[in-house]
Amino acid sequence: QVQLVESGGGLVQPGGSLRLSCAASGIIFSFYTMGWYRQAPGKQRELVAGITGGGTTNYADSMKGRFTISRDNAKDTVYLQMNSLKPEDTAVYYCNAALPRGGNPYWGQGTQVTVSS
Protein backbone atom coordinates (compact mmCIF):
# COMPACT_ATOMS: atom_id res chain seq x y z
CA GLN A 1 0.00 0.00 0.00
CA VAL A 2 1.44 3.31 -1.12
CA GLN A 3 1.31 6.21 1.29
CA LEU A 4 2.54 9.77 0.96
CA VAL A 5 2.26 11.68 4.21
CA GLU A 6 2.85 15.42 4.20
CA SER A 7 3.70 17.48 7.26
CA GLY A 8 5.02 20.90 8.15
CA GLY A 9 2.19 23.14 7.06
CA GLY A 10 0.72 25.86 9.22
CA LEU A 11 0.18 29.57 9.66
CA VAL A 12 3.08 31.91 8.93
CA GLN A 13 3.42 35.66 8.54
CA PRO A 14 4.34 37.21 5.19
CA GLY A 15 8.07 37.01 4.66
CA GLY A 16 8.35 33.94 6.84
CA SER A 17 9.49 30.41 6.07
CA LEU A 18 8.15 26.90 6.29
CA ARG A 19 9.60 23.50 5.50
CA LEU A 20 7.24 20.83 4.23
CA SER A 21 8.08 17.14 4.36
CA CYS A 22 6.56 14.19 2.57
CA ALA A 23 7.36 10.71 3.77
CA ALA A 24 6.74 7.93 1.27
CA SER A 25 6.13 4.25 1.88
CA GLY A 26 5.16 1.32 -0.32
CA ILE A 27 7.24 2.45 -3.31
CA ILE A 28 10.87 2.19 -4.40
CA PHE A 29 11.38 5.84 -3.63
CA SER A 30 14.50 6.44 -5.72
CA PHE A 31 12.66 5.30 -8.87
CA TYR A 32 10.08 8.05 -8.56
CA THR A 33 10.05 11.67 -9.59
CA MET A 34 8.64 13.55 -6.62
CA GLY A 35 6.68 16.74 -6.86
CA TRP A 36 4.96 19.36 -4.80
CA TYR A 37 1.71 20.84 -6.08
CA ARG A 38 -0.63 23.34 -4.52
CA GLN A 39 -4.26 24.29 -4.81
CA ALA A 40 -5.69 27.55 -3.60
CA PRO A 41 -9.43 28.01 -3.03
CA GLY A 42 -11.23 28.39 -6.35
CA LYS A 43 -8.12 27.65 -8.38
CA GLN A 44 -6.73 24.67 -10.21
CA ARG A 45 -3.98 22.55 -8.74
CA GLU A 46 -0.60 23.75 -9.98
CA LEU A 47 2.94 22.43 -9.98
CA VAL A 48 5.25 24.04 -7.44
CA ALA A 49 8.43 22.02 -7.93
CA GLY A 50 9.66 18.59 -8.96
CA ILE A 51 12.76 16.50 -8.41
CA THR A 52 13.87 13.34 -10.19
CA GLY A 53 15.35 10.32 -8.47
CA GLY A 54 18.78 11.59 -9.47
CA GLY A 55 18.16 15.04 -8.05
CA THR A 56 17.34 17.13 -11.11
CA THR A 57 14.92 19.86 -10.11
CA ASN A 58 12.39 22.09 -11.83
CA TYR A 59 10.28 24.92 -10.48
CA ALA A 60 7.28 26.96 -11.44
CA ASP A 61 8.49 30.42 -12.43
CA SER A 62 6.79 32.17 -9.51
CA MET A 63 8.58 29.94 -7.00
CA LYS A 64 12.10 30.18 -8.40
CA GLY A 65 14.49 31.70 -5.91
CA ARG A 66 12.06 31.37 -3.00
CA PHE A 67 11.33 27.64 -2.83
CA THR A 68 13.78 24.74 -2.77
CA ILE A 69 12.87 21.11 -3.31
CA SER A 70 15.16 18.37 -2.08
CA ARG A 71 15.00 14.67 -1.31
CA ASP A 72 16.66 12.13 0.92
CA ASN A 73 16.47 8.75 -0.79
CA ALA A 74 17.75 7.04 2.35
CA LYS A 75 14.76 8.36 4.28
CA ASP A 76 12.21 8.09 1.47
CA THR A 77 11.37 11.73 2.06
CA VAL A 78 11.03 14.81 -0.10
CA TYR A 79 11.15 18.34 1.27
CA LEU A 80 10.01 21.77 0.21
CA GLN A 81 11.76 24.71 1.83
CA MET A 82 9.65 27.82 1.35
CA ASN A 83 11.12 31.24 2.06
CA SER A 84 9.85 34.79 1.63
CA LEU A 85 6.30 33.54 1.76
CA LYS A 86 3.53 35.72 0.39
CA PRO A 87 -0.22 35.71 1.06
CA GLU A 88 -0.73 34.36 -2.46
CA ASP A 89 1.21 31.24 -1.45
CA THR A 90 -1.72 30.27 0.75
CA ALA A 91 -2.96 26.90 -0.45
CA VAL A 92 -3.15 23.22 0.29
CA TYR A 93 0.19 21.69 -0.68
CA TYR A 94 0.21 18.15 -2.04
CA CYS A 95 3.01 15.66 -2.47
CA ASN A 96 3.09 13.63 -5.69
CA ALA A 97 5.05 10.56 -6.77
CA ALA A 98 5.27 9.57 -10.42
CA LEU A 99 7.35 7.16 -12.44
CA PRO A 100 9.28 8.85 -15.25
CA ARG A 101 7.89 6.45 -17.85
CA GLY A 102 4.30 7.31 -16.97
CA GLY A 103 1.40 5.64 -15.22
CA ASN A 104 -0.93 6.87 -12.53
CA PRO A 105 0.79 9.08 -9.96
CA TYR A 106 0.30 8.81 -6.23
CA TRP A 107 -0.90 11.74 -4.10
CA GLY A 108 -0.71 12.66 -0.47
CA GLN A 109 -3.61 14.03 1.51
CA GLY A 110 -2.27 17.58 1.50
CA THR A 111 -1.13 20.04 4.14
CA GLN A 112 -2.52 23.54 4.59
CA VAL A 113 -0.20 26.52 4.31
CA THR A 114 -1.65 29.89 5.30
CA VAL A 115 0.35 33.08 4.90
CA SER A 116 -1.28 35.90 6.80
CA SER A 117 -0.51 38.65 9.25
C-alpha atoms as a PDB file:
ATOM      1  CA  GLN A   1       0.000   0.000   0.000  1.00  0.00           C
ATOM      2  CA  VAL A   2       1.436   3.308  -1.116  1.00  0.00           C
ATOM      3  CA  GLN A   3       1.313   6.212   1.294  1.00  0.00           C
ATOM      4  CA  LEU A   4       2.538   9.773   0.957  1.00  0.00           C
ATOM      5  CA  VAL A   5       2.256  11.683   4.211  1.00  0.00           C
ATOM      6  CA  GLU A   6       2.845  15.425   4.198  1.00  0.00           C
ATOM      7  CA  SER A   7       3.704  17.480   7.256  1.00  0.00           C
ATOM      8  CA  GLY A   8       5.023  20.904   8.148  1.00  0.00           C
ATOM      9  CA  GLY A   9       2.187  23.138   7.058  1.00  0.00           C
ATOM     10  CA  GLY A  10       0.722  25.864   9.217  1.00  0.00           C
ATOM     11  CA  LEU A  11       0.175  29.568   9.663  1.00  0.00           C
ATOM     12  CA  VAL A  12       3.080  31.908   8.927  1.00  0.00           C
ATOM     13  CA  GLN A  13       3.423  35.657   8.538  1.00  0.00           C
ATOM     14  CA  PRO A  14       4.337  37.214   5.192  1.00  0.00           C
ATOM     15  CA  GLY A  15       8.072  37.012   4.664  1.00  0.00           C
ATOM     16  CA  GLY A  16       8.346  33.937   6.845  1.00  0.00           C
ATOM     17  CA  SER A  17       9.492  30.412   6.067  1.00  0.00           C
ATOM     18  CA  LEU A  18       8.145  26.898   6.293  1.00  0.00           C
ATOM     19  CA  ARG A  19       9.595  23.502   5.500  1.00  0.00           C
ATOM     20  CA  LEU A  20       7.240  20.834   4.233  1.00  0.00           C
ATOM     21  CA  SER A  21       8.080  17.142   4.361  1.00  0.00           C
ATOM     22  CA  CYS A  22       6.563  14.192   2.567  1.00  0.00           C
ATOM     23  CA  ALA A  23       7.365  10.705   3.773  1.00  0.00           C
ATOM     24  CA  ALA A  24       6.737   7.925   1.270  1.00  0.00           C
ATOM     25  CA  SER A  25       6.127   4.251   1.878  1.00  0.00           C
ATOM     26  CA  GLY A  26       5.159   1.323  -0.319  1.00  0.00           C
ATOM     27  CA  ILE A  27       7.242   2.455  -3.309  1.00  0.00           C
ATOM     28  CA  ILE A  28      10.865   2.185  -4.397  1.00  0.00           C
ATOM     29  CA  PHE A  29      11.380   5.838  -3.625  1.00  0.00           C
ATOM     30  CA  SER A  30      14.501   6.436  -5.717  1.00  0.00           C
ATOM     31  CA  PHE A  31      12.661   5.301  -8.866  1.00  0.00           C
ATOM     32  CA  TYR A  32      10.082   8.051  -8.562  1.00  0.00           C
ATOM     33  CA  THR A  33      10.053  11.667  -9.588  1.00  0.00           C
ATOM     34  CA  MET A  34       8.643  13.548  -6.619  1.00  0.00           C
ATOM     35  CA  GLY A  35       6.685  16.742  -6.864  1.00  0.00           C
ATOM     36  CA  TRP A  36       4.965  19.361  -4.798  1.00  0.00           C
ATOM     37  CA  TYR A  37       1.712  20.837  -6.079  1.00  0.00           C
ATOM     38  CA  ARG A  38      -0.625  23.343  -4.522  1.00  0.00           C
ATOM     39  CA  GLN A  39      -4.259  24.285  -4.808  1.00  0.00           C
ATOM     40  CA  ALA A  40      -5.693  27.554  -3.604  1.00  0.00           C
ATOM     41  CA  PRO A  41      -9.434  28.013  -3.034  1.00  0.00           C
ATOM     42  CA  GLY A  42     -11.230  28.387  -6.347  1.00  0.00           C
ATOM     43  CA  LYS A  43      -8.116  27.651  -8.380  1.00  0.00           C
ATOM     44  CA  GLN A  44      -6.726  24.665 -10.211  1.00  0.00           C
ATOM     45  CA  ARG A  45      -3.976  22.547  -8.735  1.00  0.00           C
ATOM     46  CA  GLU A  46      -0.600  23.747  -9.981  1.00  0.00           C
ATOM     47  CA  LEU A  47       2.940  22.430  -9.979  1.00  0.00           C
ATOM     48  CA  VAL A  48       5.255  24.037  -7.441  1.00  0.00           C
ATOM     49  CA  ALA A  49       8.433  22.016  -7.933  1.00  0.00           C
ATOM     50  CA  GLY A  50       9.658  18.590  -8.960  1.00  0.00           C
ATOM     51  CA  ILE A  51      12.763  16.497  -8.407  1.00  0.00           C
ATOM     52  CA  THR A  52      13.869  13.341 -10.186  1.00  0.00           C
ATOM     53  CA  GLY A  53      15.346  10.325  -8.469  1.00  0.00           C
ATOM     54  CA  GLY A  54      18.775  11.591  -9.469  1.00  0.00           C
ATOM     55  CA  GLY A  55      18.156  15.042  -8.048  1.00  0.00           C
ATOM     56  CA  THR A  56      17.336  17.126 -11.110  1.00  0.00           C
ATOM     57  CA  THR A  57      14.924  19.861 -10.114  1.00  0.00           C
ATOM     58  CA  ASN A  58      12.389  22.089 -11.827  1.00  0.00           C
ATOM     59  CA  TYR A  59      10.281  24.923 -10.481  1.00  0.00           C
ATOM     60  CA  ALA A  60       7.281  26.964 -11.438  1.00  0.00           C
ATOM     61  CA  ASP A  61       8.491  30.417 -12.426  1.00  0.00           C
ATOM     62  CA  SER A  62       6.786  32.171  -9.515  1.00  0.00           C
ATOM     63  CA  MET A  63       8.583  29.938  -6.998  1.00  0.00           C
ATOM     64  CA  LYS A  64      12.097  30.176  -8.395  1.00  0.00           C
ATOM     65  CA  GLY A  65      14.489  31.704  -5.906  1.00  0.00           C
ATOM     66  CA  ARG A  66      12.055  31.372  -2.999  1.00  0.00           C
ATOM     67  CA  PHE A  67      11.330  27.643  -2.831  1.00  0.00           C
ATOM     68  CA  THR A  68      13.785  24.740  -2.774  1.00  0.00           C
ATOM     69  CA  ILE A  69      12.866  21.114  -3.312  1.00  0.00           C
ATOM     70  CA  SER A  70      15.157  18.366  -2.078  1.00  0.00           C
ATOM     71  CA  ARG A  71      14.998  14.674  -1.314  1.00  0.00           C
ATOM     72  CA  ASP A  72      16.660  12.126   0.917  1.00  0.00           C
ATOM     73  CA  ASN A  73      16.472   8.755  -0.786  1.00  0.00           C
ATOM     74  CA  ALA A  74      17.753   7.039   2.349  1.00  0.00           C
ATOM     75  CA  LYS A  75      14.761   8.365   4.283  1.00  0.00           C
ATOM     76  CA  ASP A  76      12.205   8.088   1.466  1.00  0.00           C
ATOM     77  CA  THR A  77      11.366  11.727   2.060  1.00  0.00           C
ATOM     78  CA  VAL A  78      11.025  14.808  -0.102  1.00  0.00           C
ATOM     79  CA  TYR A  79      11.149  18.337   1.272  1.00  0.00           C
ATOM     80  CA  LEU A  80      10.013  21.768   0.208  1.00  0.00           C
ATOM     81  CA  GLN A  81      11.758  24.713   1.828  1.00  0.00           C
ATOM     82  CA  MET A  82       9.645  27.816   1.349  1.00  0.00           C
ATOM     83  CA  ASN A  83      11.120  31.238   2.063  1.00  0.00           C
ATOM     84  CA  SER A  84       9.846  34.792   1.626  1.00  0.00           C
ATOM     85  CA  LEU A  85       6.296  33.544   1.764  1.00  0.00           C
ATOM     86  CA  LYS A  86       3.527  35.720   0.389  1.00  0.00           C
ATOM     87  CA  PRO A  87      -0.220  35.707   1.062  1.00  0.00           C
ATOM     88  CA  GLU A  88      -0.729  34.363  -2.460  1.00  0.00           C
ATOM     89  CA  ASP A  89       1.213  31.243  -1.447  1.00  0.00           C
ATOM     90  CA  THR A  90      -1.723  30.273   0.747  1.00  0.00           C
ATOM     91  CA  ALA A  91      -2.960  26.898  -0.452  1.00  0.00           C
ATOM     92  CA  VAL A  92      -3.145  23.215   0.293  1.00  0.00           C
ATOM     93  CA  TYR A  93       0.186  21.692  -0.685  1.00  0.00           C
ATOM     94  CA  TYR A  94       0.209  18.154  -2.042  1.00  0.00           C
ATOM     95  CA  CYS A  95       3.012  15.655  -2.467  1.00  0.00           C
ATOM     96  CA  ASN A  96       3.094  13.632  -5.686  1.00  0.00           C
ATOM     97  CA  ALA A  97       5.053  10.558  -6.773  1.00  0.00           C
ATOM     98  CA  ALA A  98       5.270   9.567 -10.419  1.00  0.00           C
ATOM     99  CA  LEU A  99       7.351   7.158 -12.437  1.00  0.00           C
ATOM    100  CA  PRO A 100       9.281   8.850 -15.254  1.00  0.00           C
ATOM    101  CA  ARG A 101       7.885   6.448 -17.850  1.00  0.00           C
ATOM    102  CA  GLY A 102       4.304   7.309 -16.971  1.00  0.00           C
ATOM    103  CA  GLY A 103       1.399   5.643 -15.222  1.00  0.00           C
ATOM    104  CA  ASN A 104      -0.926   6.873 -12.529  1.00  0.00           C
ATOM    105  CA  PRO A 105       0.787   9.076  -9.956  1.00  0.00           C
ATOM    106  CA  TYR A 106       0.295   8.811  -6.228  1.00  0.00           C
ATOM    107  CA  TRP A 107      -0.896  11.739  -4.103  1.00  0.00           C
ATOM    108  CA  GLY A 108      -0.705  12.664  -0.468  1.00  0.00           C
ATOM    109  CA  GLN A 109      -3.612  14.029   1.513  1.00  0.00           C
ATOM    110  CA  GLY A 110      -2.272  17.584   1.502  1.00  0.00           C
ATOM    111  CA  THR A 111      -1.127  20.038   4.137  1.00  0.00           C
ATOM    112  CA  GLN A 112      -2.516  23.540   4.590  1.00  0.00           C
ATOM    113  CA  VAL A 113      -0.197  26.523   4.315  1.00  0.00           C
ATOM    114  CA  THR A 114      -1.645  29.886   5.301  1.00  0.00           C
ATOM    115  CA  VAL A 115       0.353  33.085   4.901  1.00  0.00           C
ATOM    116  CA  SER A 116      -1.279  35.904   6.796  1.00  0.00           C
ATOM    117  CA  SER A 117      -0.508  38.649   9.253  1.00  0.00           C
END
